[in-house]
């Protein structure tokens, strides 16, 4: 059995424009510890022909697990969990991640009973 917690402060779909070209997002309750067994999904859409940069900053603190299966941040080039994988990160703060298109998908997942503080980033 897998528990999935979603709230208004956890995930969403955002459109970036010339007037609003950046948005900050984070794991739930950041910098506090999120609830155990949390999952959040974000989709960022930019104007056609633009690319999206995901920049992590301050801290990237996830529970270390083997093979990044129980706690991770996943980034995909496209708008769904089936889009081509850019990377899955769990141990060290990734550098800037750049989409190849004008849409990018980000997923935070933790399936541990004692999660760590999480992350903060902007798109």
PDB file of N, CA and C in Angstrom:
ATOM      1  N   UNK A   1       0.850  -1.175   0.000  1.00  0.00           N
ATOM      2  CA  UNK A   1       0.000   0.000   0.000  1.00  0.00           C
ATOM      3  C   UNK A   1       0.892   1.233   0.000  1.00  0.00           C
ATOM      4  N   UNK A   2       0.512   2.232  -0.778  1.00  0.00           N
ATOM      5  CA  UNK A   2       1.284   3.471  -0.852  1.00  0.00           C
ATOM      6  C   UNK A   2       0.358   4.638  -0.576  1.00  0.00           C
ATOM      7  N   UNK A   3       0.766   5.508   0.312  1.00  0.00           N
ATOM      8  CA  UNK A   3      -0.007   6.687   0.678  1.00  0.00           C
ATOM      9  C   UNK A   3       0.503   7.864  -0.110  1.00  0.00           C
ATOM     10  N   UNK A   4      -0.392   8.636  -0.689  1.00  0.00           N
ATOM     11  CA  UNK A   4      -0.003   9.801  -1.477  1.00  0.00           C
ATOM     12  C   UNK A   4      -0.653  11.029  -0.864  1.00  0.00           C
ATOM     13  N   UNK A   5       0.159  11.955  -0.401  1.00  0.00           N
ATOM     14  CA  UNK A   5      -0.361  13.181   0.187  1.00  0.00           C
ATOM     15  C   UNK A   5      -0.159  14.337  -0.773  1.00  0.00           C
ATOM     16  N   UNK A   6      -1.227  15.040  -1.068  1.00  0.00           N
ATOM     17  CA  UNK A   6      -1.155  16.211  -1.935  1.00  0.00           C
ATOM     18  C   UNK A   6      -1.889  17.344  -1.241  1.00  0.00           C
ATOM     19  N   UNK A   7      -1.373  18.538  -1.368  1.00  0.00           N
ATOM     20  CA  UNK A   7      -2.055  19.705  -0.816  1.00  0.00           C
ATOM     21  C   UNK A   7      -1.835  20.864  -1.765  1.00  0.00           C
ATOM     22  N   UNK A   8      -2.499  22.002  -1.506  1.00  0.00           N
ATOM     23  CA  UNK A   8      -2.345  23.150  -2.380  1.00  0.00           C
ATOM     24  C   UNK A   8      -0.920  23.674  -2.372  1.00  0.00           C
ATOM     25  N   UNK A   9      -0.178  23.470  -1.306  1.00  0.00           N
ATOM     26  CA  UNK A   9       1.195  23.957  -1.257  1.00  0.00           C
ATOM     27  C   UNK A   9       2.171  22.915  -1.799  1.00  0.00           C
ATOM     28  N   UNK A  10       1.658  21.864  -2.364  1.00  0.00           N
ATOM     29  CA  UNK A  10       2.492  20.761  -2.825  1.00  0.00           C
ATOM     30  C   UNK A  10       2.172  20.463  -4.278  1.00  0.00           C
ATOM     31  N   UNK A  11       2.973  20.999  -5.179  1.00  0.00           N
ATOM     32  CA  UNK A  11       2.786  20.718  -6.590  1.00  0.00           C
ATOM     33  C   UNK A  11       1.846  21.699  -7.259  1.00  0.00           C
ATOM     34  N   UNK A  12       1.627  21.467  -8.544  1.00  0.00           N
ATOM     35  CA  UNK A  12       0.726  22.309  -9.317  1.00  0.00           C
ATOM     36  C   UNK A  12       1.238  22.501 -10.735  1.00  0.00           C
ATOM     37  N   UNK A  13       0.465  23.215 -11.502  1.00  0.00           N
ATOM     38  CA  UNK A  13       0.804  23.523 -12.890  1.00  0.00           C
ATOM     39  C   UNK A  13       0.959  25.037 -12.993  1.00  0.00           C
ATOM     40  N   UNK A  14       2.101  25.495 -13.523  1.00  0.00           N
ATOM     41  CA  UNK A  14       2.407  26.927 -13.559  1.00  0.00           C
ATOM     42  C   UNK A  14       2.842  27.335 -14.955  1.00  0.00           C
ATOM     43  N   UNK A  15       2.355  28.488 -15.389  1.00  0.00           N
ATOM     44  CA  UNK A  15       2.742  29.052 -16.672  1.00  0.00           C
ATOM     45  C   UNK A  15       3.666  30.238 -16.424  1.00  0.00           C
ATOM     46  N   UNK A  16       4.858  30.179 -17.009  1.00  0.00           N
ATOM     47  CA  UNK A  16       5.821  31.266 -16.906  1.00  0.00           C
ATOM     48  C   UNK A  16       5.604  32.215 -18.085  1.00  0.00           C
ATOM     49  N   UNK A  17       5.648  33.511 -17.820  1.00  0.00           N
ATOM     50  CA  UNK A  17       5.452  34.526 -18.860  1.00  0.00           C
ATOM     51  C   UNK A  17       6.575  35.545 -18.767  1.00  0.00           C
ATOM     52  N   UNK A  18       6.590  36.526 -19.663  1.00  0.00           N
ATOM     53  CA  UNK A  18       7.588  37.591 -19.581  1.00  0.00           C
ATOM     54  C   UNK A  18       7.398  38.396 -18.304  1.00  0.00           C
ATOM     55  N   UNK A  19       6.164  38.564 -17.857  1.00  0.00           N
ATOM     56  CA  UNK A  19       5.890  39.327 -16.640  1.00  0.00           C
ATOM     57  C   UNK A  19       6.161  38.502 -15.383  1.00  0.00           C
ATOM     58  N   UNK A  20       5.975  37.212 -15.457  1.00  0.00           N
ATOM     59  CA  UNK A  20       6.174  36.302 -14.323  1.00  0.00           C
ATOM     60  C   UNK A  20       7.065  35.161 -14.800  1.00  0.00           C
ATOM     61  N   UNK A  21       8.381  35.441 -14.858  1.00  0.00           N
ATOM     62  CA  UNK A  21       9.287  34.488 -15.488  1.00  0.00           C
ATOM     63  C   UNK A  21      10.018  33.572 -14.513  1.00  0.00           C
ATOM     64  N   UNK A  22       9.614  33.570 -13.241  1.00  0.00           N
ATOM     65  CA  UNK A  22      10.254  32.708 -12.259  1.00  0.00           C
ATOM     66  C   UNK A  22       9.267  32.376 -11.153  1.00  0.00           C
ATOM     67  N   UNK A  23       9.368  31.182 -10.635  1.00  0.00           N
ATOM     68  CA  UNK A  23       8.539  30.777  -9.509  1.00  0.00           C
ATOM     69  C   UNK A  23       9.386  29.912  -8.575  1.00  0.00           C
ATOM     70  N   UNK A  24       9.235  30.141  -7.283  1.00  0.00           N
ATOM     71  CA  UNK A  24       9.929  29.352  -6.276  1.00  0.00           C
ATOM     72  C   UNK A  24       9.010  28.236  -5.813  1.00  0.00           C
ATOM     73  N   UNK A  25       9.557  27.038  -5.688  1.00  0.00           N
ATOM     74  CA  UNK A  25       8.783  25.897  -5.203  1.00  0.00           C
ATOM     75  C   UNK A  25       9.665  25.057  -4.290  1.00  0.00           C
ATOM     76  N   UNK A  26       9.033  24.257  -3.448  1.00  0.00           N
ATOM     77  CA  UNK A  26       9.794  23.477  -2.471  1.00  0.00           C
ATOM     78  C   UNK A  26       9.028  22.231  -2.067  1.00  0.00           C
ATOM     79  N   UNK A  27       9.742  21.353  -1.382  1.00  0.00           N
ATOM     80  CA  UNK A  27       9.082  20.205  -0.780  1.00  0.00           C
ATOM     81  C   UNK A  27       8.105  20.721   0.281  1.00  0.00           C
ATOM     82  N   UNK A  28       7.090  19.946   0.638  1.00  0.00           N
ATOM     83  CA  UNK A  28       6.089  20.418   1.596  1.00  0.00           C
ATOM     84  C   UNK A  28       6.715  20.843   2.923  1.00  0.00           C
ATOM     85  N   UNK A  29       6.278  21.959   3.448  1.00  0.00           N
ATOM     86  CA  UNK A  29       6.680  22.484   4.757  1.00  0.00           C
ATOM     87  C   UNK A  29       8.111  22.997   4.827  1.00  0.00           C
ATOM     88  N   UNK A  30       8.819  23.022   3.701  1.00  0.00           N
ATOM     89  CA  UNK A  30      10.217  23.463   3.708  1.00  0.00           C
ATOM     90  C   UNK A  30      10.330  24.839   4.371  1.00  0.00           C
ATOM     91  N   UNK A  31      11.303  25.086   5.256  1.00  0.00           N
ATOM     92  CA  UNK A  31      12.452  24.249   5.617  1.00  0.00           C
ATOM     93  C   UNK A  31      12.162  23.239   6.728  1.00  0.00           C
ATOM     94  N   UNK A  32      10.921  23.125   7.126  1.00  0.00           N
ATOM     95  CA  UNK A  32      10.560  22.099   8.104  1.00  0.00           C
ATOM     96  C   UNK A  32      10.499  20.737   7.406  1.00  0.00           C
ATOM     97  N   UNK A  33      10.445  19.696   8.183  1.00  0.00           N
ATOM     98  CA  UNK A  33      10.398  18.337   7.647  1.00  0.00           C
ATOM     99  C   UNK A  33       9.000  18.053   7.097  1.00  0.00           C
ATOM    100  N   UNK A  34       8.907  17.518   5.894  1.00  0.00           N
ATOM    101  CA  UNK A  34       7.579  17.199   5.335  1.00  0.00           C
ATOM    102  C   UNK A  34       6.977  15.983   6.029  1.00  0.00           C
ATOM    103  N   UNK A  35       5.705  15.780   5.809  1.00  0.00           N
ATOM    104  CA  UNK A  35       5.056  14.579   6.330  1.00  0.00           C
ATOM    105  C   UNK A  35       5.670  13.348   5.688  1.00  0.00           C
ATOM    106  N   UNK A  36       5.733  12.253   6.423  1.00  0.00           N
ATOM    107  CA  UNK A  36       6.221  11.008   5.821  1.00  0.00           C
ATOM    108  C   UNK A  36       5.350  10.611   4.633  1.00  0.00           C
ATOM    109  N   UNK A  37       5.933   9.905   3.696  1.00  0.00           N
ATOM    110  CA  UNK A  37       5.226   9.349   2.553  1.00  0.00           C
ATOM    111  C   UNK A  37       4.525  10.435   1.734  1.00  0.00           C
ATOM    112  N   UNK A  38       5.270  11.462   1.343  1.00  0.00           N
ATOM    113  CA  UNK A  38       4.735  12.581   0.566  1.00  0.00           C
ATOM    114  C   UNK A  38       5.118  12.460  -0.901  1.00  0.00           C
ATOM    115  N   UNK A  39       4.263  13.012  -1.748  1.00  0.00           N
ATOM    116  CA  UNK A  39       4.533  13.041  -3.182  1.00  0.00           C
ATOM    117  C   UNK A  39       3.949  14.329  -3.749  1.00  0.00           C
ATOM    118  N   UNK A  40       4.750  15.055  -4.529  1.00  0.00           N
ATOM    119  CA  UNK A  40       4.306  16.306  -5.146  1.00  0.00           C
ATOM    120  C   UNK A  40       4.765  16.306  -6.600  1.00  0.00           C
ATOM    121  N   UNK A  41       3.946  16.895  -7.468  1.00  0.00           N
ATOM    122  CA  UNK A  41       4.295  17.007  -8.879  1.00  0.00           C
ATOM    123  C   UNK A  41       4.043  18.431  -9.350  1.00  0.00           C
ATOM    124  N   UNK A  42       5.033  18.991 -10.037  1.00  0.00           N
ATOM    125  CA  UNK A  42       4.917  20.327 -10.618  1.00  0.00           C
ATOM    126  C   UNK A  42       5.131  20.211 -12.119  1.00  0.00           C
ATOM    127  N   UNK A  43       4.399  21.030 -12.871  1.00  0.00           N
ATOM    128  CA  UNK A  43       4.622  21.163 -14.311  1.00  0.00           C
ATOM    129  C   UNK A  43       4.764  22.658 -14.583  1.00  0.00           C
ATOM    130  N   UNK A  44       5.859  23.029 -15.239  1.00  0.00           N
ATOM    131  CA  UNK A  44       6.127  24.421 -15.585  1.00  0.00           C
ATOM    132  C   UNK A  44       6.099  24.548 -17.102  1.00  0.00           C
ATOM    133  N   UNK A  45       5.369  25.549 -17.580  1.00  0.00           N
ATOM    134  CA  UNK A  45       5.222  25.788 -19.011  1.00  0.00           C
ATOM    135  C   UNK A  45       5.700  27.198 -19.322  1.00  0.00           C
ATOM    136  N   UNK A  46       6.590  27.312 -20.298  1.00  0.00           N
ATOM    137  CA  UNK A  46       7.110  28.615 -20.737  1.00  0.00           C
ATOM    138  C   UNK A  46       6.569  28.895 -22.143  1.00  0.00           C
ATOM    139  N   UNK A  47       6.695  30.133 -22.621  1.00  0.00           N
ATOM    140  CA  UNK A  47       6.274  30.445 -23.986  1.00  0.00           C
ATOM    141  C   UNK A  47       7.020  29.565 -25.000  1.00  0.00           C
ATOM    142  N   UNK A  48       6.394  29.309 -26.137  1.00  0.00           N
ATOM    143  CA  UNK A  48       7.002  28.491 -27.182  1.00  0.00           C
ATOM    144  C   UNK A  48       8.401  28.974 -27.532  1.00  0.00           C
ATOM    145  N   UNK A  49       9.305  28.042 -27.730  1.00  0.00           N
ATOM    146  CA  UNK A  49      10.680  28.368 -28.087  1.00  0.00           C
ATOM    147  C   UNK A  49      11.578  28.665 -26.902  1.00  0.00           C
ATOM    148  N   UNK A  50      11.004  28.813 -25.710  1.00  0.00           N
ATOM    149  CA  UNK A  50      11.800  29.083 -24.505  1.00  0.00           C
ATOM    150  C   UNK A  50      12.173  27.765 -23.832  1.00  0.00           C
ATOM    151  N   UNK A  51      13.230  27.802 -23.035  1.00  0.00           N
ATOM    152  CA  UNK A  51      13.646  26.659 -22.230  1.00  0.00           C
ATOM    153  C   UNK A  51      13.493  27.046 -20.761  1.00  0.00           C
ATOM    154  N   UNK A  52      13.395  26.070 -19.897  1.00  0.00           N
ATOM    155  CA  UNK A  52      13.181  26.315 -18.469  1.00  0.00           C
ATOM    156  C   UNK A  52      14.389  25.819 -17.691  1.00  0.00           C
ATOM    157  N   UNK A  53      14.899  26.664 -16.800  1.00  0.00           N
ATOM    158  CA  UNK A  53      15.987  26.297 -15.899  1.00  0.00           C
ATOM    159  C   UNK A  53      15.407  25.982 -14.530  1.00  0.00           C
ATOM    160  N   UNK A  54      15.826  24.876 -13.937  1.00  0.00           N
ATOM    161  CA  UNK A  54      15.482  24.547 -12.554  1.00  0.00           C
ATOM    162  C   UNK A  54      16.763  24.713 -11.751  1.00  0.00           C
ATOM    163  N   UNK A  55      16.717  25.609 -10.762  1.00  0.00           N
ATOM    164  CA  UNK A  55      17.883  25.895  -9.918  1.00  0.00           C
ATOM    165  C   UNK A  55      17.550  25.592  -8.465  1.00  0.00           C
ATOM    166  N   UNK A  56      18.275  24.650  -7.877  1.00  0.00           N
ATOM    167  CA  UNK A  56      18.130  24.330  -6.463  1.00  0.00           C
ATOM    168  C   UNK A  56      19.077  25.232  -5.684  1.00  0.00           C
ATOM    169  N   UNK A  57      18.656  25.665  -4.509  1.00  0.00           N
ATOM    170  CA  UNK A  57      19.525  26.512  -3.694  1.00  0.00           C
ATOM    171  C   UNK A  57      19.242  26.282  -2.223  1.00  0.00           C
ATOM    172  N   UNK A  58      20.026  26.890  -1.367  1.00  0.00           N
ATOM    173  CA  UNK A  58      19.933  26.815   0.089  1.00  0.00           C
ATOM    174  C   UNK A  58      20.301  25.429   0.593  1.00  0.00           C
ATOM    175  N   UNK A  59      19.465  24.433   0.379  1.00  0.00           N
ATOM    176  CA  UNK A  59      19.797  23.077   0.808  1.00  0.00           C
ATOM    177  C   UNK A  59      19.040  22.068  -0.032  1.00  0.00           C
ATOM    178  N   UNK A  60      19.604  20.876  -0.097  1.00  0.00           N
ATOM    179  CA  UNK A  60      18.985  19.744  -0.771  1.00  0.00           C
ATOM    180  C   UNK A  60      19.204  18.575   0.168  1.00  0.00           C
ATOM    181  N   UNK A  61      18.206  18.287   0.992  1.00  0.00           N
ATOM    182  CA  UNK A  61      18.368  17.381   2.124  1.00  0.00           C
ATOM    183  C   UNK A  61      17.297  16.293   2.068  1.00  0.00           C
ATOM    184  N   UNK A  62      17.618  15.207   1.377  1.00  0.00           N
ATOM    185  CA  UNK A  62      16.704  14.083   1.268  1.00  0.00           C
ATOM    186  C   UNK A  62      17.279  12.881   1.992  1.00  0.00           C
ATOM    187  N   UNK A  63      16.414  12.002   2.449  1.00  0.00           N
ATOM    188  CA  UNK A  63      16.857  10.774   3.095  1.00  0.00           C
ATOM    189  C   UNK A  63      17.653   9.955   2.088  1.00  0.00           C
ATOM    190  N   UNK A  64      18.857   9.586   2.447  1.00  0.00           N
ATOM    191  CA  UNK A  64      19.716   8.825   1.548  1.00  0.00           C
ATOM    192  C   UNK A  64      19.232   7.378   1.508  1.00  0.00           C
ATOM    193  N   UNK A  65      18.946   6.924   0.304  1.00  0.00           N
ATOM    194  CA  UNK A  65      18.539   5.535   0.095  1.00  0.00           C
ATOM    195  C   UNK A  65      19.312   4.981  -1.090  1.00  0.00           C
ATOM    196  N   UNK A  66      19.431   3.673  -1.142  1.00  0.00           N
ATOM    197  CA  UNK A  66      20.151   3.082  -2.268  1.00  0.00           C
ATOM    198  C   UNK A  66      19.343   3.253  -3.547  1.00  0.00           C
ATOM    199  N   UNK A  67      20.017   3.591  -4.604  1.00  0.00           N
ATOM    200  CA  UNK A  67      19.444   3.727  -5.951  1.00  0.00           C
ATOM    201  C   UNK A  67      18.336   4.777  -6.060  1.00  0.00           C
ATOM    202  N   UNK A  68      18.231   5.702  -5.116  1.00  0.00           N
ATOM    203  CA  UNK A  68      17.231   6.788  -5.204  1.00  0.00           C
ATOM    204  C   UNK A  68      15.808   6.261  -5.405  1.00  0.00           C
ATOM    205  N   UNK A  69      15.408   5.275  -4.644  1.00  0.00           N
ATOM    206  CA  UNK A  69      14.075   4.714  -4.830  1.00  0.00           C
ATOM    207  C   UNK A  69      13.068   5.172  -3.782  1.00  0.00           C
ATOM    208  N   UNK A  70      13.519   5.526  -2.589  1.00  0.00           N
ATOM    209  CA  UNK A  70      12.592   5.848  -1.502  1.00  0.00           C
ATOM    210  C   UNK A  70      12.448   7.333  -1.219  1.00  0.00           C
ATOM    211  N   UNK A  71      13.368   8.155  -1.701  1.00  0.00           N
ATOM    212  CA  UNK A  71      13.298   9.612  -1.533  1.00  0.00           C
ATOM    213  C   UNK A  71      14.111  10.247  -2.647  1.00  0.00           C
ATOM    214  N   UNK A  72      13.440  11.085  -3.466  1.00  0.00           N
ATOM    215  CA  UNK A  72      14.148  11.674  -4.602  1.00  0.00           C
ATOM    216  C   UNK A  72      13.382  12.860  -5.173  1.00  0.00           C
ATOM    217  N   UNK A  73      14.090  13.611  -6.015  1.00  0.00           N
ATOM    218  CA  UNK A  73      13.495  14.614  -6.887  1.00  0.00           C
ATOM    219  C   UNK A  73      13.794  14.146  -8.307  1.00  0.00           C
ATOM    220  N   UNK A  74      12.762  14.094  -9.124  1.00  0.00           N
ATOM    221  CA  UNK A  74      12.895  13.636 -10.495  1.00  0.00           C
ATOM    222  C   UNK A  74      12.504  14.772 -11.432  1.00  0.00           C
ATOM    223  N   UNK A  75      13.273  14.965 -12.485  1.00  0.00           N
ATOM    224  CA  UNK A  75      13.003  16.026 -13.458  1.00  0.00           C
ATOM    225  C   UNK A  75      12.895  15.390 -14.837  1.00  0.00           C
ATOM    226  N   UNK A  76      11.832  15.774 -15.566  1.00  0.00           N
ATOM    227  CA  UNK A  76      11.594  15.202 -16.891  1.00  0.00           C
ATOM    228  C   UNK A  76      11.361  16.300 -17.918  1.00  0.00           C
ATOM    229  N   UNK A  77      11.832  16.042 -19.108  1.00  0.00           N
ATOM    230  CA  UNK A  77      11.705  16.978 -20.215  1.00  0.00           C
ATOM    231  C   UNK A  77      10.355  16.762 -20.899  1.00  0.00           C
ATOM    232  N   UNK A  78       9.347  17.459 -20.403  1.00  0.00           N
ATOM    233  CA  UNK A  78       7.984  17.304 -20.892  1.00  0.00           C
ATOM    234  C   UNK A  78       7.023  17.537 -19.743  1.00  0.00           C
ATOM    235  N   UNK A  79       5.760  17.235 -19.948  1.00  0.00           N
ATOM    236  CA  UNK A  79       4.756  17.583 -18.964  1.00  0.00           C
ATOM    237  C   UNK A  79       4.178  16.443 -18.155  1.00  0.00           C
ATOM    238  N   UNK A  80       4.744  15.224 -18.287  1.00  0.00           N
ATOM    239  CA  UNK A  80       4.183  14.092 -17.560  1.00  0.00           C
ATOM    240  C   UNK A  80       5.284  13.227 -16.953  1.00  0.00           C
ATOM    241  N   UNK A  81       4.855  12.303 -16.103  1.00  0.00           N
ATOM    242  CA  UNK A  81       5.799  11.373 -15.491  1.00  0.00           C
ATOM    243  C   UNK A  81       6.344  10.362 -16.491  1.00  0.00           C
ATOM    244  N   UNK A  82       5.804  10.346 -17.707  1.00  0.00           N
ATOM    245  CA  UNK A  82       6.290   9.454 -18.755  1.00  0.00           C
ATOM    246  C   UNK A  82       7.207  10.159 -19.750  1.00  0.00           C
ATOM    247  N   UNK A  83       7.431  11.449 -19.570  1.00  0.00           N
ATOM    248  CA  UNK A  83       8.321  12.218 -20.453  1.00  0.00           C
ATOM    249  C   UNK A  83       9.763  11.757 -20.255  1.00  0.00           C
ATOM    250  N   UNK A  84      10.654  12.055 -21.212  1.00  0.00           N
ATOM    251  CA  UNK A  84      12.052  11.634 -21.090  1.00  0.00           C
ATOM    252  C   UNK A  84      12.710  12.175 -19.816  1.00  0.00           C
ATOM    253  N   UNK A  85      13.407  11.292 -19.130  1.00  0.00           N
ATOM    254  CA  UNK A  85      14.054  11.622 -17.859  1.00  0.00           C
ATOM    255  C   UNK A  85      15.280  12.507 -18.083  1.00  0.00           C
ATOM    256  N   UNK A  86      15.328  13.629 -17.366  1.00  0.00           N
ATOM    257  CA  UNK A  86      16.533  14.457 -17.320  1.00  0.00           C
ATOM    258  C   UNK A  86      17.434  13.926 -16.212  1.00  0.00           C
ATOM    259  N   UNK A  87      16.851  13.660 -15.038  1.00  0.00           N
ATOM    260  CA  UNK A  87      17.625  13.098 -13.942  1.00  0.00           C
ATOM    261  C   UNK A  87      16.788  12.833 -12.719  1.00  0.00           C
ATOM    262  N   UNK A  88      17.293  11.924 -11.879  1.00  0.00           N
ATOM    263  CA  UNK A  88      16.694  11.623 -10.576  1.00  0.00           C
ATOM    264  C   UNK A  88      17.786  11.884  -9.546  1.00  0.00           C
ATOM    265  N   UNK A  89      17.455  12.689  -8.530  1.00  0.00           N
ATOM    266  CA  UNK A  89      18.459  13.173  -7.580  1.00  0.00           C
ATOM    267  C   UNK A  89      18.036  12.851  -6.153  1.00  0.00           C
ATOM    268  N   UNK A  90      19.009  12.378  -5.355  1.00  0.00           N
ATOM    269  CA  UNK A  90      18.677  12.024  -3.984  1.00  0.00           C
ATOM    270  C   UNK A  90      19.803  12.298  -2.996  1.00  0.00           C
ATOM    271  N   UNK A  91      21.025  12.350  -3.427  1.00  0.00           N
ATOM    272  CA  UNK A  91      22.129  12.456  -2.482  1.00  0.00           C
ATOM    273  C   UNK A  91      22.764  13.839  -2.430  1.00  0.00           C
ATOM    274  N   UNK A  92      22.991  14.450  -3.557  1.00  0.00           N
ATOM    275  CA  UNK A  92      23.647  15.754  -3.612  1.00  0.00           C
ATOM    276  C   UNK A  92      22.793  16.740  -4.386  1.00  0.00           C
ATOM    277  N   UNK A  93      22.933  18.019  -4.049  1.00  0.00           N
ATOM    278  CA  UNK A  93      22.190  19.058  -4.745  1.00  0.00           C
ATOM    279  C   UNK A  93      22.612  19.072  -6.216  1.00  0.00           C
ATOM    280  N   UNK A  94      21.649  18.913  -7.121  1.00  0.00           N
ATOM    281  CA  UNK A  94      22.010  18.960  -8.541  1.00  0.00           C
ATOM    282  C   UNK A  94      22.312  20.376  -8.990  1.00  0.00           C
ATOM    283  N   UNK A  95      23.096  20.481 -10.037  1.00  0.00           N
ATOM    284  CA  UNK A  95      23.333  21.779 -10.653  1.00  0.00           C
ATOM    285  C   UNK A  95      22.087  22.212 -11.409  1.00  0.00           C
ATOM    286  N   UNK A  96      22.188  23.298 -12.140  1.00  0.00           N
ATOM    287  CA  UNK A  96      21.063  23.797 -12.931  1.00  0.00           C
ATOM    288  C   UNK A  96      20.633  22.740 -13.941  1.00  0.00           C
ATOM    289  N   UNK A  97      19.345  22.486 -13.983  1.00  0.00           N
ATOM    290  CA  UNK A  97      18.761  21.537 -14.928  1.00  0.00           C
ATOM    291  C   UNK A  97      17.993  22.341 -15.972  1.00  0.00           C
ATOM    292  N   UNK A  98      18.238  22.070 -17.239  1.00  0.00           N
ATOM    293  CA  UNK A  98      17.645  22.860 -18.319  1.00  0.00           C
ATOM    294  C   UNK A  98      16.804  21.955 -19.202  1.00  0.00           C
ATOM    295  N   UNK A  99      15.568  22.391 -19.458  1.00  0.00           N
ATOM    296  CA  UNK A  99      14.686  21.620 -20.339  1.00  0.00           C
ATOM    297  C   UNK A  99      15.150  21.756 -21.786  1.00  0.00           C
ATOM    298  N   UNK A 100      14.771  20.805 -22.605  1.00  0.00           N
ATOM    299  CA  UNK A 100      15.038  20.889 -24.036  1.00  0.00           C
ATOM    300  C   UNK A 100      13.866  21.517 -24.771  1.00  0.00           C
ATOM    301  N   UNK A 101      12.733  21.617 -24.072  1.00  0.00           N
ATOM    302  CA  UNK A 101      11.524  22.183 -24.650  1.00  0.00           C
ATOM    303  C   UNK A 101      10.996  23.266 -23.720  1.00  0.00           C
ATOM    304  N   UNK A 102       9.775  23.700 -23.948  1.00  0.00           N
ATOM    305  CA  UNK A 102       9.215  24.778 -23.119  1.00  0.00           C
ATOM    306  C   UNK A 102       8.343  24.250 -21.982  1.00  0.00           C
ATOM    307  N   UNK A 103       8.498  22.970 -21.653  1.00  0.00           N
ATOM    308  CA  UNK A 103       7.739  22.384 -20.551  1.00  0.00           C
ATOM    309  C   UNK A 103       8.628  21.417 -19.789  1.00  0.00           C
ATOM    310  N   UNK A 104       8.474  21.424 -18.466  1.00  0.00           N
ATOM    311  CA  UNK A 104       9.294  20.556 -17.624  1.00  0.00           C
ATOM    312  C   UNK A 104       8.451  20.035 -16.458  1.00  0.00           C
ATOM    313  N   UNK A 105       8.720  18.813 -16.061  1.00  0.00           N
ATOM    314  CA  UNK A 105       7.987  18.118 -14.996  1.00  0.00           C
ATOM    315  C   UNK A 105       8.956  17.854 -13.852  1.00  0.00           C
ATOM    316  N   UNK A 106       8.534  18.150 -12.622  1.00  0.00           N
ATOM    317  CA  UNK A 106       9.359  17.908 -11.435  1.00  0.00           C
ATOM    318  C   UNK A 106       8.518  17.128 -10.433  1.00  0.00           C
ATOM    319  N   UNK A 107       9.110  16.091  -9.871  1.00  0.00           N
ATOM    320  CA  UNK A 107       8.418  15.271  -8.873  1.00  0.00           C
ATOM    321  C   UNK A 107       9.278  15.148  -7.632  1.00  0.00           C
ATOM    322  N   UNK A 108       8.672  15.383  -6.474  1.00  0.00           N
ATOM    323  CA  UNK A 108       9.294  15.110  -5.176  1.00  0.00           C
ATOM    324  C   UNK A 108       8.591  13.885  -4.615  1.00  0.00           C
ATOM    325  N   UNK A 109       9.368  12.922  -4.133  1.00  0.00           N
ATOM    326  CA  UNK A 109       8.797  11.701  -3.596  1.00  0.00           C
ATOM    327  C   UNK A 109       9.575  11.265  -2.377  1.00  0.00           C
ATOM    328  N   UNK A 110       8.876  10.919  -1.317  1.00  0.00           N
ATOM    329  CA  UNK A 110       9.511  10.293  -0.169  1.00  0.00           C
ATOM    330  C   UNK A 110       8.580   9.226   0.374  1.00  0.00           C
ATOM    331  N   UNK A 111       9.093   8.037   0.486  1.00  0.00           N
ATOM    332  CA  UNK A 111       8.330   6.916   1.000  1.00  0.00           C
ATOM    333  C   UNK A 111       9.013   6.372   2.255  1.00  0.00           C
ATOM    334  N   UNK A 112       9.539   7.294   3.046  1.00  0.00           N
ATOM    335  CA  UNK A 112      10.212   6.912   4.287  1.00  0.00           C
ATOM    336  C   UNK A 112       9.440   7.470   5.475  1.00  0.00           C
ATOM    337  N   UNK A 113       9.541   6.797   6.594  1.00  0.00           N
ATOM    338  CA  UNK A 113       8.811   7.214   7.794  1.00  0.00           C
ATOM    339  C   UNK A 113       9.446   8.424   8.466  1.00  0.00           C
ATOM    340  N   UNK A 114      10.736   8.654   8.201  1.00  0.00           N
ATOM    341  CA  UNK A 114      11.462   9.740   8.852  1.00  0.00           C
ATOM    342  C   UNK A 114      12.178  10.595   7.800  1.00  0.00           C
ATOM    343  N   UNK A 115      11.431  11.406   7.025  1.00  0.00           N
ATOM    344  CA  UNK A 115      12.067  12.196   5.957  1.00  0.00           C
ATOM    345  C   UNK A 115      12.947  13.318   6.496  1.00  0.00           C
ATOM    346  N   UNK A 116      13.781  13.861   5.626  1.00  0.00           N
ATOM    347  CA  UNK A 116      14.644  14.990   5.967  1.00  0.00           C
ATOM    348  C   UNK A 116      13.967  16.272   5.486  1.00  0.00           C
ATOM    349  N   UNK A 117      14.661  17.410   5.586  1.00  0.00           N
ATOM    350  CA  UNK A 117      14.054  18.728   5.327  1.00  0.00           C
ATOM    351  C   UNK A 117      13.581  18.968   3.901  1.00  0.00           C
ATOM    352  N   UNK A 118      14.198  18.356   2.921  1.00  0.00           N
ATOM    353  CA  UNK A 118      13.748  18.530   1.548  1.00  0.00           C
ATOM    354  C   UNK A 118      14.573  19.522   0.762  1.00  0.00           C
ATOM    355  N   UNK A 119      13.904  20.358  -0.043  1.00  0.00           N
ATOM    356  CA  UNK A 119      14.614  21.241  -0.967  1.00  0.00           C
ATOM    357  C   UNK A 119      13.799  22.493  -1.221  1.00  0.00           C
ATOM    358  N   UNK A 120      14.482  23.462  -1.821  1.00  0.00           N
ATOM    359  CA  UNK A 120      13.843  24.653  -2.380  1.00  0.00           C
ATOM    360  C   UNK A 120      14.515  24.921  -3.723  1.00  0.00           C
ATOM    361  N   UNK A 121      13.730  25.379  -4.677  1.00  0.00           N
ATOM    362  CA  UNK A 121      14.253  25.624  -6.030  1.00  0.00           C
ATOM    363  C   UNK A 121      13.416  26.687  -6.703  1.00  0.00           C
ATOM    364  N   UNK A 122      13.900  27.145  -7.851  1.00  0.00           N
ATOM    365  CA  UNK A 122      13.048  27.998  -8.674  1.00  0.00           C
ATOM    366  C   UNK A 122      13.143  27.573 -10.124  1.00  0.00           C
ATOM    367  N   UNK A 123      12.065  27.898 -10.828  1.00  0.00           N
ATOM    368  CA  UNK A 123      11.969  27.594 -12.254  1.00  0.00           C
ATOM    369  C   UNK A 123      11.866  28.903 -12.991  1.00  0.00           C
TER     370      UNK A 123
END
